[in-house]
PDB file of all heavy atoms in Angstrom:
ATOM      1  N   ILE A   1       0.837  -1.206   0.000  1.00  0.00           N
ATOM      2  CA  ILE A   1       0.000   0.000   0.000  1.00  0.00           C
ATOM      3  C   ILE A   1       0.870   1.254   0.000  1.00  0.00           C
ATOM      4  O   ILE A   1       0.607   2.212  -0.736  1.00  0.00           O
ATOM      5  CB  ILE A   1      -0.959  -0.003   1.210  1.00  0.00           C
ATOM      6  CG1 ILE A   1      -1.933  -1.183   1.131  1.00  0.00           C
ATOM      7  CG2 ILE A   1      -1.687   1.330   1.347  1.00  0.00           C
ATOM      8  CD1 ILE A   1      -2.848  -1.201  -0.058  1.00  0.00           C
ATOM      9  N   GLU A   2       1.910   1.260   0.812  1.00  0.00           N
ATOM     10  CA  GLU A   2       2.803   2.426   0.869  1.00  0.00           C
ATOM     11  C   GLU A   2       3.571   2.598  -0.441  1.00  0.00           C
ATOM     12  O   GLU A   2       3.800   3.726  -0.890  1.00  0.00           O
ATOM     13  CB  GLU A   2       3.760   2.322   2.058  1.00  0.00           C
ATOM     14  CG  GLU A   2       3.075   2.493   3.402  1.00  0.00           C
ATOM     15  CD  GLU A   2       2.456   3.876   3.610  1.00  0.00           C
ATOM     16  OE1 GLU A   2       2.866   4.844   2.944  1.00  0.00           O
ATOM     17  OE2 GLU A   2       1.547   3.988   4.445  1.00  0.00           O
ATOM     18  N   GLU A   3       3.961   1.500  -1.072  1.00  0.00           N
ATOM     19  CA  GLU A   3       4.610   1.586  -2.381  1.00  0.00           C
ATOM     20  C   GLU A   3       3.653   2.173  -3.410  1.00  0.00           C
ATOM     21  O   GLU A   3       4.038   3.008  -4.241  1.00  0.00           O
ATOM     22  CB  GLU A   3       5.099   0.212  -2.840  1.00  0.00           C
ATOM     23  CG  GLU A   3       6.284  -0.311  -2.064  1.00  0.00           C
ATOM     24  CD  GLU A   3       6.625  -1.758  -2.405  1.00  0.00           C
ATOM     25  OE1 GLU A   3       6.229  -2.267  -3.479  1.00  0.00           O
ATOM     26  OE2 GLU A   3       7.300  -2.401  -1.580  1.00  0.00           O
ATOM     27  N   ALA A   4       2.392   1.748  -3.374  1.00  0.00           N
ATOM     28  CA  ALA A   4       1.385   2.280  -4.294  1.00  0.00           C
ATOM     29  C   ALA A   4       1.173   3.772  -4.046  1.00  0.00           C
ATOM     30  O   ALA A   4       1.025   4.546  -5.000  1.00  0.00           O
ATOM     31  CB  ALA A   4       0.068   1.524  -4.133  1.00  0.00           C
ATOM     32  N   ARG A   5       1.179   4.159  -2.795  1.00  0.00           N
ATOM     33  CA  ARG A   5       1.006   5.573  -2.434  1.00  0.00           C
ATOM     34  C   ARG A   5       2.061   6.433  -3.132  1.00  0.00           C
ATOM     35  O   ARG A   5       1.743   7.471  -3.724  1.00  0.00           O
ATOM     36  CB  ARG A   5       1.129   5.721  -0.924  1.00  0.00           C
ATOM     37  CG  ARG A   5       1.028   7.127  -0.415  1.00  0.00           C
ATOM     38  CD  ARG A   5       1.282   7.140   1.085  1.00  0.00           C
ATOM     39  NE  ARG A   5       0.754   8.329   1.700  1.00  0.00           N
ATOM     40  CZ  ARG A   5       0.697   8.542   3.007  1.00  0.00           C
ATOM     41  NH1 ARG A   5       1.140   7.615   3.843  1.00  0.00           N
ATOM     42  NH2 ARG A   5       0.209   9.654   3.482  1.00  0.00           N
ATOM     43  N   ALA A   6       3.301   6.008  -3.072  1.00  0.00           N
ATOM     44  CA  ALA A   6       4.395   6.766  -3.692  1.00  0.00           C
ATOM     45  C   ALA A   6       4.382   6.648  -5.209  1.00  0.00           C
ATOM     46  O   ALA A   6       4.554   7.637  -5.925  1.00  0.00           O
ATOM     47  CB  ALA A   6       5.731   6.276  -3.135  1.00  0.00           C
ATOM     48  N   ARG A   7       4.155   5.455  -5.712  1.00  0.00           N
ATOM     49  CA  ARG A   7       4.232   5.198  -7.152  1.00  0.00           C
ATOM     50  C   ARG A   7       3.127   5.912  -7.932  1.00  0.00           C
ATOM     51  O   ARG A   7       3.353   6.377  -9.048  1.00  0.00           O
ATOM     52  CB  ARG A   7       4.139   3.689  -7.375  1.00  0.00           C
ATOM     53  CG  ARG A   7       4.137   3.257  -8.817  1.00  0.00           C
ATOM     54  CD  ARG A   7       4.007   1.765  -8.900  1.00  0.00           C
ATOM     55  NE  ARG A   7       5.295   1.176  -8.622  1.00  0.00           N
ATOM     56  CZ  ARG A   7       5.839   0.192  -9.319  1.00  0.00           C
ATOM     57  NH1 ARG A   7       5.171  -0.351 -10.318  1.00  0.00           N
ATOM     58  NH2 ARG A   7       7.013  -0.268  -9.022  1.00  0.00           N
ATOM     59  N   PHE A   8       1.924   5.971  -7.348  1.00  0.00           N
ATOM     60  CA  PHE A   8       0.765   6.499  -8.072  1.00  0.00           C
ATOM     61  C   PHE A   8       0.242   7.816  -7.498  1.00  0.00           C
ATOM     62  O   PHE A   8      -0.812   8.283  -7.908  1.00  0.00           O
ATOM     63  CB  PHE A   8      -0.357   5.454  -8.098  1.00  0.00           C
ATOM     64  CG  PHE A   8       0.048   4.181  -8.782  1.00  0.00           C
ATOM     65  CD1 PHE A   8       0.453   3.084  -8.040  1.00  0.00           C
ATOM     66  CD2 PHE A   8       0.058   4.089 -10.168  1.00  0.00           C
ATOM     67  CE1 PHE A   8       0.837   1.905  -8.664  1.00  0.00           C
ATOM     68  CE2 PHE A   8       0.447   2.922 -10.799  1.00  0.00           C
ATOM     69  CZ  PHE A   8       0.837   1.825 -10.045  1.00  0.00           C
ATOM     70  N   ASP A   9       0.963   8.409  -6.554  1.00  0.00           N
ATOM     71  CA  ASP A   9       0.576   9.688  -5.951  1.00  0.00           C
ATOM     72  C   ASP A   9      -0.879   9.640  -5.458  1.00  0.00           C
ATOM     73  O   ASP A   9      -1.707  10.475  -5.805  1.00  0.00           O
ATOM     74  CB  ASP A   9       0.781  10.830  -6.943  1.00  0.00           C
ATOM     75  CG  ASP A   9       0.698  12.189  -6.266  1.00  0.00           C
ATOM     76  OD1 ASP A   9       1.012  12.280  -5.061  1.00  0.00           O
ATOM     77  OD2 ASP A   9       0.307  13.159  -6.948  1.00  0.00           O
ATOM     78  N   LEU A  10      -1.169   8.631  -4.636  1.00  0.00           N
ATOM     79  CA  LEU A  10      -2.532   8.402  -4.171  1.00  0.00           C
ATOM     80  C   LEU A  10      -2.908   9.295  -2.988  1.00  0.00           C
ATOM     81  O   LEU A  10      -2.052   9.720  -2.215  1.00  0.00           O
ATOM     82  CB  LEU A  10      -2.690   6.933  -3.760  1.00  0.00           C
ATOM     83  CG  LEU A  10      -2.501   5.919  -4.873  1.00  0.00           C
ATOM     84  CD1 LEU A  10      -2.600   4.502  -4.315  1.00  0.00           C
ATOM     85  CD2 LEU A  10      -3.517   6.140  -5.985  1.00  0.00           C
ATOM     86  N   LEU A  11      -4.206   9.492  -2.830  1.00  0.00           N
ATOM     87  CA  LEU A  11      -4.764  10.221  -1.689  1.00  0.00           C
ATOM     88  C   LEU A  11      -5.259   9.254  -0.621  1.00  0.00           C
ATOM     89  O   LEU A  11      -5.509   9.655   0.512  1.00  0.00           O
ATOM     90  CB  LEU A  11      -5.904  11.124  -2.164  1.00  0.00           C
ATOM     91  CG  LEU A  11      -5.493  12.152  -3.217  1.00  0.00           C
ATOM     92  CD1 LEU A  11      -6.722  12.824  -3.802  1.00  0.00           C
ATOM     93  CD2 LEU A  11      -4.536  13.156  -2.611  1.00  0.00           C
ATOM     94  N   GLY A  12      -5.408   8.006  -0.984  1.00  0.00           N
ATOM     95  CA  GLY A  12      -5.825   6.958  -0.061  1.00  0.00           C
ATOM     96  C   GLY A  12      -5.769   5.623  -0.775  1.00  0.00           C
ATOM     97  O   GLY A  12      -5.910   5.562  -1.996  1.00  0.00           O
ATOM     98  N   CYS A  13      -5.543   4.560  -0.016  1.00  0.00           N
ATOM     99  CA  CYS A  13      -5.542   3.219  -0.601  1.00  0.00           C
ATOM    100  C   CYS A  13      -5.700   2.209   0.531  1.00  0.00           C
ATOM    101  O   CYS A  13      -4.929   2.226   1.495  1.00  0.00           O
ATOM    102  CB  CYS A  13      -4.255   2.943  -1.372  1.00  0.00           C
ATOM    103  SG  CYS A  13      -4.303   1.388  -2.303  1.00  0.00           S
ATOM    104  N   VAL A  14      -6.711   1.382   0.433  1.00  0.00           N
ATOM    105  CA  VAL A  14      -6.920   0.341   1.426  1.00  0.00           C
ATOM    106  C   VAL A  14      -7.132  -0.993   0.730  1.00  0.00           C
ATOM    107  O   VAL A  14      -7.600  -1.053  -0.412  1.00  0.00           O
ATOM    108  CB  VAL A  14      -8.117   0.632   2.368  1.00  0.00           C
ATOM    109  CG1 VAL A  14      -7.897   1.913   3.153  1.00  0.00           C
ATOM    110  CG2 VAL A  14      -9.415   0.686   1.609  1.00  0.00           C
ATOM    111  N   CYS A  15      -6.774  -2.044   1.448  1.00  0.00           N
ATOM    112  CA  CYS A  15      -7.006  -3.403   0.963  1.00  0.00           C
ATOM    113  C   CYS A  15      -7.328  -4.272   2.168  1.00  0.00           C
ATOM    114  O   CYS A  15      -6.661  -4.182   3.203  1.00  0.00           O
ATOM    115  CB  CYS A  15      -5.770  -3.933   0.237  1.00  0.00           C
ATOM    116  SG  CYS A  15      -5.959  -5.636  -0.373  1.00  0.00           S
ATOM    117  N   VAL A  16      -8.346  -5.088   2.024  1.00  0.00           N
ATOM    118  CA  VAL A  16      -8.699  -6.065   3.056  1.00  0.00           C
ATOM    119  C   VAL A  16      -8.844  -7.421   2.380  1.00  0.00           C
ATOM    120  O   VAL A  16      -9.384  -7.520   1.276  1.00  0.00           O
ATOM    121  CB  VAL A  16      -9.984  -5.661   3.820  1.00  0.00           C
ATOM    122  CG1 VAL A  16     -11.169  -5.507   2.895  1.00  0.00           C
ATOM    123  CG2 VAL A  16     -10.308  -6.649   4.925  1.00  0.00           C
ATOM    124  N   HIS A  17      -8.311  -8.457   3.034  1.00  0.00           N
ATOM    125  CA  HIS A  17      -8.391  -9.821   2.501  1.00  0.00           C
ATOM    126  C   HIS A  17      -8.993 -10.716   3.575  1.00  0.00           C
ATOM    127  O   HIS A  17      -8.605 -10.652   4.738  1.00  0.00           O
ATOM    128  CB  HIS A  17      -7.007 -10.333   2.117  1.00  0.00           C
ATOM    129  CG  HIS A  17      -7.046 -11.471   1.144  1.00  0.00           C
ATOM    130  ND1 HIS A  17      -7.638 -12.681   1.431  1.00  0.00           N
ATOM    131  CD2 HIS A  17      -6.583 -11.558  -0.125  1.00  0.00           C
ATOM    132  CE1 HIS A  17      -7.529 -13.476   0.388  1.00  0.00           C
ATOM    133  NE2 HIS A  17      -6.898 -12.819  -0.579  1.00  0.00           N
ATOM    134  N   ARG A  18      -9.929 -11.537   3.176  1.00  0.00           N
ATOM    135  CA  ARG A  18     -10.593 -12.463   4.093  1.00  0.00           C
ATOM    136  C   ARG A  18      -9.735 -13.677   4.388  1.00  0.00           C
ATOM    137  O   ARG A  18      -8.924 -14.103   3.569  1.00  0.00           O
ATOM    138  CB  ARG A  18     -11.890 -12.989   3.464  1.00  0.00           C
ATOM    139  CG  ARG A  18     -13.115 -12.150   3.619  1.00  0.00           C
ATOM    140  CD  ARG A  18     -13.655 -12.071   5.032  1.00  0.00           C
ATOM    141  NE  ARG A  18     -13.910 -13.347   5.692  1.00  0.00           N
ATOM    142  CZ  ARG A  18     -15.011 -14.081   5.553  1.00  0.00           C
ATOM    143  NH1 ARG A  18     -15.975 -13.696   4.740  1.00  0.00           N
ATOM    144  NH2 ARG A  18     -15.137 -15.204   6.221  1.00  0.00           N
ATOM    145  N   THR A  19      -9.971 -14.252   5.538  1.00  0.00           N
ATOM    146  CA  THR A  19      -9.499 -15.590   5.866  1.00  0.00           C
ATOM    147  C   THR A  19     -10.702 -16.365   6.392  1.00  0.00           C
ATOM    148  O   THR A  19     -11.750 -15.795   6.681  1.00  0.00           O
ATOM    149  CB  THR A  19      -8.375 -15.576   6.928  1.00  0.00           C
ATOM    150  OG1 THR A  19      -8.834 -14.883   8.086  1.00  0.00           O
ATOM    151  CG2 THR A  19      -7.111 -14.945   6.378  1.00  0.00           C
ATOM    152  N   GLY A  20     -10.534 -17.663   6.510  1.00  0.00           N
ATOM    153  CA  GLY A  20     -11.609 -18.508   6.990  1.00  0.00           C
ATOM    154  C   GLY A  20     -12.371 -19.135   5.835  1.00  0.00           C
ATOM    155  O   GLY A  20     -11.904 -19.185   4.704  1.00  0.00           O
ATOM    156  N   HIS A  21     -13.574 -19.624   6.156  1.00  0.00           N
ATOM    157  CA  HIS A  21     -14.413 -20.331   5.191  1.00  0.00           C
ATOM    158  C   HIS A  21     -15.308 -19.335   4.459  1.00  0.00           C
ATOM    159  O   HIS A  21     -16.022 -18.571   5.095  1.00  0.00           O
ATOM    160  CB  HIS A  21     -15.268 -21.371   5.928  1.00  0.00           C
ATOM    161  CG  HIS A  21     -15.965 -22.306   5.017  1.00  0.00           C
ATOM    162  ND1 HIS A  21     -15.314 -23.333   4.366  1.00  0.00           N
ATOM    163  CD2 HIS A  21     -17.264 -22.371   4.637  1.00  0.00           C
ATOM    164  CE1 HIS A  21     -16.189 -24.000   3.630  1.00  0.00           C
ATOM    165  NE2 HIS A  21     -17.377 -23.430   3.779  1.00  0.00           N
ATOM    166  N   LEU A  22     -15.265 -19.362   3.127  1.00  0.00           N
ATOM    167  CA  LEU A  22     -16.067 -18.458   2.304  1.00  0.00           C
ATOM    168  C   LEU A  22     -16.932 -19.260   1.343  1.00  0.00           C
ATOM    169  O   LEU A  22     -16.484 -20.256   0.775  1.00  0.00           O
ATOM    170  CB  LEU A  22     -15.176 -17.520   1.484  1.00  0.00           C
ATOM    171  CG  LEU A  22     -14.529 -16.355   2.217  1.00  0.00           C
ATOM    172  CD1 LEU A  22     -13.382 -16.805   3.081  1.00  0.00           C
ATOM    173  CD2 LEU A  22     -14.046 -15.332   1.220  1.00  0.00           C
ATOM    174  N   ALA A  23     -18.155 -18.794   1.151  1.00  0.00           N
ATOM    175  CA  ALA A  23     -19.085 -19.429   0.225  1.00  0.00           C
ATOM    176  C   ALA A  23     -18.951 -18.801  -1.158  1.00  0.00           C
ATOM    177  O   ALA A  23     -18.410 -17.700  -1.310  1.00  0.00           O
ATOM    178  CB  ALA A  23     -20.519 -19.256   0.733  1.00  0.00           C
ATOM    179  N   VAL A  24     -19.461 -19.485  -2.153  1.00  0.00           N
ATOM    180  CA  VAL A  24     -19.490 -18.946  -3.513  1.00  0.00           C
ATOM    181  C   VAL A  24     -20.216 -17.602  -3.476  1.00  0.00           C
ATOM    182  O   VAL A  24     -21.276 -17.462  -2.864  1.00  0.00           O
ATOM    183  CB  VAL A  24     -20.190 -19.930  -4.476  1.00  0.00           C
ATOM    184  CG1 VAL A  24     -20.463 -19.284  -5.824  1.00  0.00           C
ATOM    185  CG2 VAL A  24     -19.353 -21.189  -4.630  1.00  0.00           C
ATOM    186  N   GLY A  25     -19.607 -16.600  -4.112  1.00  0.00           N
ATOM    187  CA  GLY A  25     -20.177 -15.255  -4.161  1.00  0.00           C
ATOM    188  C   GLY A  25     -19.668 -14.312  -3.090  1.00  0.00           C
ATOM    189  O   GLY A  25     -19.806 -13.098  -3.217  1.00  0.00           O
ATOM    190  N   ASP A  26     -19.058 -14.853  -2.030  1.00  0.00           N
ATOM    191  CA  ASP A  26     -18.539 -13.990  -0.963  1.00  0.00           C
ATOM    192  C   ASP A  26     -17.357 -13.162  -1.463  1.00  0.00           C
ATOM    193  O   ASP A  26     -16.498 -13.672  -2.188  1.00  0.00           O
ATOM    194  CB  ASP A  26     -18.043 -14.824   0.229  1.00  0.00           C
ATOM    195  CG  ASP A  26     -19.150 -15.379   1.092  1.00  0.00           C
ATOM    196  OD1 ASP A  26     -20.314 -14.982   0.916  1.00  0.00           O
ATOM    197  OD2 ASP A  26     -18.832 -16.238   1.953  1.00  0.00           O
ATOM    198  N   PRO A  27     -17.276 -11.893  -1.050  1.00  0.00           N
ATOM    199  CA  PRO A  27     -16.068 -11.112  -1.338  1.00  0.00           C
ATOM    200  C   PRO A  27     -14.876 -11.698  -0.575  1.00  0.00           C
ATOM    201  O   PRO A  27     -14.959 -11.936   0.630  1.00  0.00           O
ATOM    202  CB  PRO A  27     -16.399  -9.711  -0.830  1.00  0.00           C
ATOM    203  CG  PRO A  27     -17.896  -9.667  -0.751  1.00  0.00           C
ATOM    204  CD  PRO A  27     -18.314 -11.073  -0.414  1.00  0.00           C
ATOM    205  N   ALA A  28     -13.788 -11.926  -1.289  1.00  0.00           N
ATOM    206  CA  ALA A  28     -12.581 -12.492  -0.684  1.00  0.00           C
ATOM    207  C   ALA A  28     -11.511 -11.428  -0.469  1.00  0.00           C
ATOM    208  O   ALA A  28     -10.696 -11.536   0.448  1.00  0.00           O
ATOM    209  CB  ALA A  28     -12.022 -13.611  -1.563  1.00  0.00           C
ATOM    210  N   VAL A  29     -11.504 -10.411  -1.327  1.00  0.00           N
ATOM    211  CA  VAL A  29     -10.514  -9.335  -1.225  1.00  0.00           C
ATOM    212  C   VAL A  29     -11.131  -8.072  -1.806  1.00  0.00           C
ATOM    213  O   VAL A  29     -11.930  -8.138  -2.757  1.00  0.00           O
ATOM    214  CB  VAL A  29      -9.192  -9.706  -1.954  1.00  0.00           C
ATOM    215  CG1 VAL A  29      -9.409  -9.964  -3.422  1.00  0.00           C
ATOM    216  CG2 VAL A  29      -8.118  -8.666  -1.732  1.00  0.00           C
ATOM    217  N   TRP A  30     -10.782  -6.922  -1.205  1.00  0.00           N
ATOM    218  CA  TRP A  30     -11.268  -5.639  -1.705  1.00  0.00           C
ATOM    219  C   TRP A  30     -10.119  -4.649  -1.685  1.00  0.00           C
ATOM    220  O   TRP A  30      -9.386  -4.556  -0.694  1.00  0.00           O
ATOM    221  CB  TRP A  30     -12.418  -5.120  -0.854  1.00  0.00           C
ATOM    222  CG  TRP A  30     -13.132  -3.954  -1.461  1.00  0.00           C
ATOM    223  CD1 TRP A  30     -14.192  -4.002  -2.318  1.00  0.00           C
ATOM    224  CD2 TRP A  30     -12.867  -2.558  -1.247  1.00  0.00           C
ATOM    225  NE1 TRP A  30     -14.585  -2.730  -2.663  1.00  0.00           N
ATOM    226  CE2 TRP A  30     -13.790  -1.814  -2.007  1.00  0.00           C
ATOM    227  CE3 TRP A  30     -11.923  -1.858  -0.487  1.00  0.00           C
ATOM    228  CZ2 TRP A  30     -13.807  -0.431  -2.047  1.00  0.00           C
ATOM    229  CZ3 TRP A  30     -11.938  -0.471  -0.518  1.00  0.00           C
ATOM    230  CH2 TRP A  30     -12.881   0.233  -1.288  1.00  0.00           C
ATOM    231  N   VAL A  31      -9.957  -3.924  -2.794  1.00  0.00           N
ATOM    232  CA  VAL A  31      -8.948  -2.878  -2.917  1.00  0.00           C
ATOM    233  C   VAL A  31      -9.654  -1.607  -3.346  1.00  0.00           C
ATOM    234  O   VAL A  31     -10.473  -1.639  -4.269  1.00  0.00           O
ATOM    235  CB  VAL A  31      -7.881  -3.223  -3.976  1.00  0.00           C
ATOM    236  CG1 VAL A  31      -6.868  -2.086  -4.119  1.00  0.00           C
ATOM    237  CG2 VAL A  31      -7.179  -4.528  -3.666  1.00  0.00           C
ATOM    238  N   GLY A  32      -9.331  -0.504  -2.683  1.00  0.00           N
ATOM    239  CA  GLY A  32      -9.843   0.799  -3.096  1.00  0.00           C
ATOM    240  C   GLY A  32      -8.695   1.784  -3.196  1.00  0.00           C
ATOM    241  O   GLY A  32      -7.934   1.949  -2.237  1.00  0.00           O
TER     242      GLY A  32
END
């Protein structure tokens, strides 16, 4: 995330990744 901040001159960047048991259709990772 910090590398992306510098490389792309971002104002914000977050990423969350799931662990555990996920069903079909569940979000597994999100990047903004």
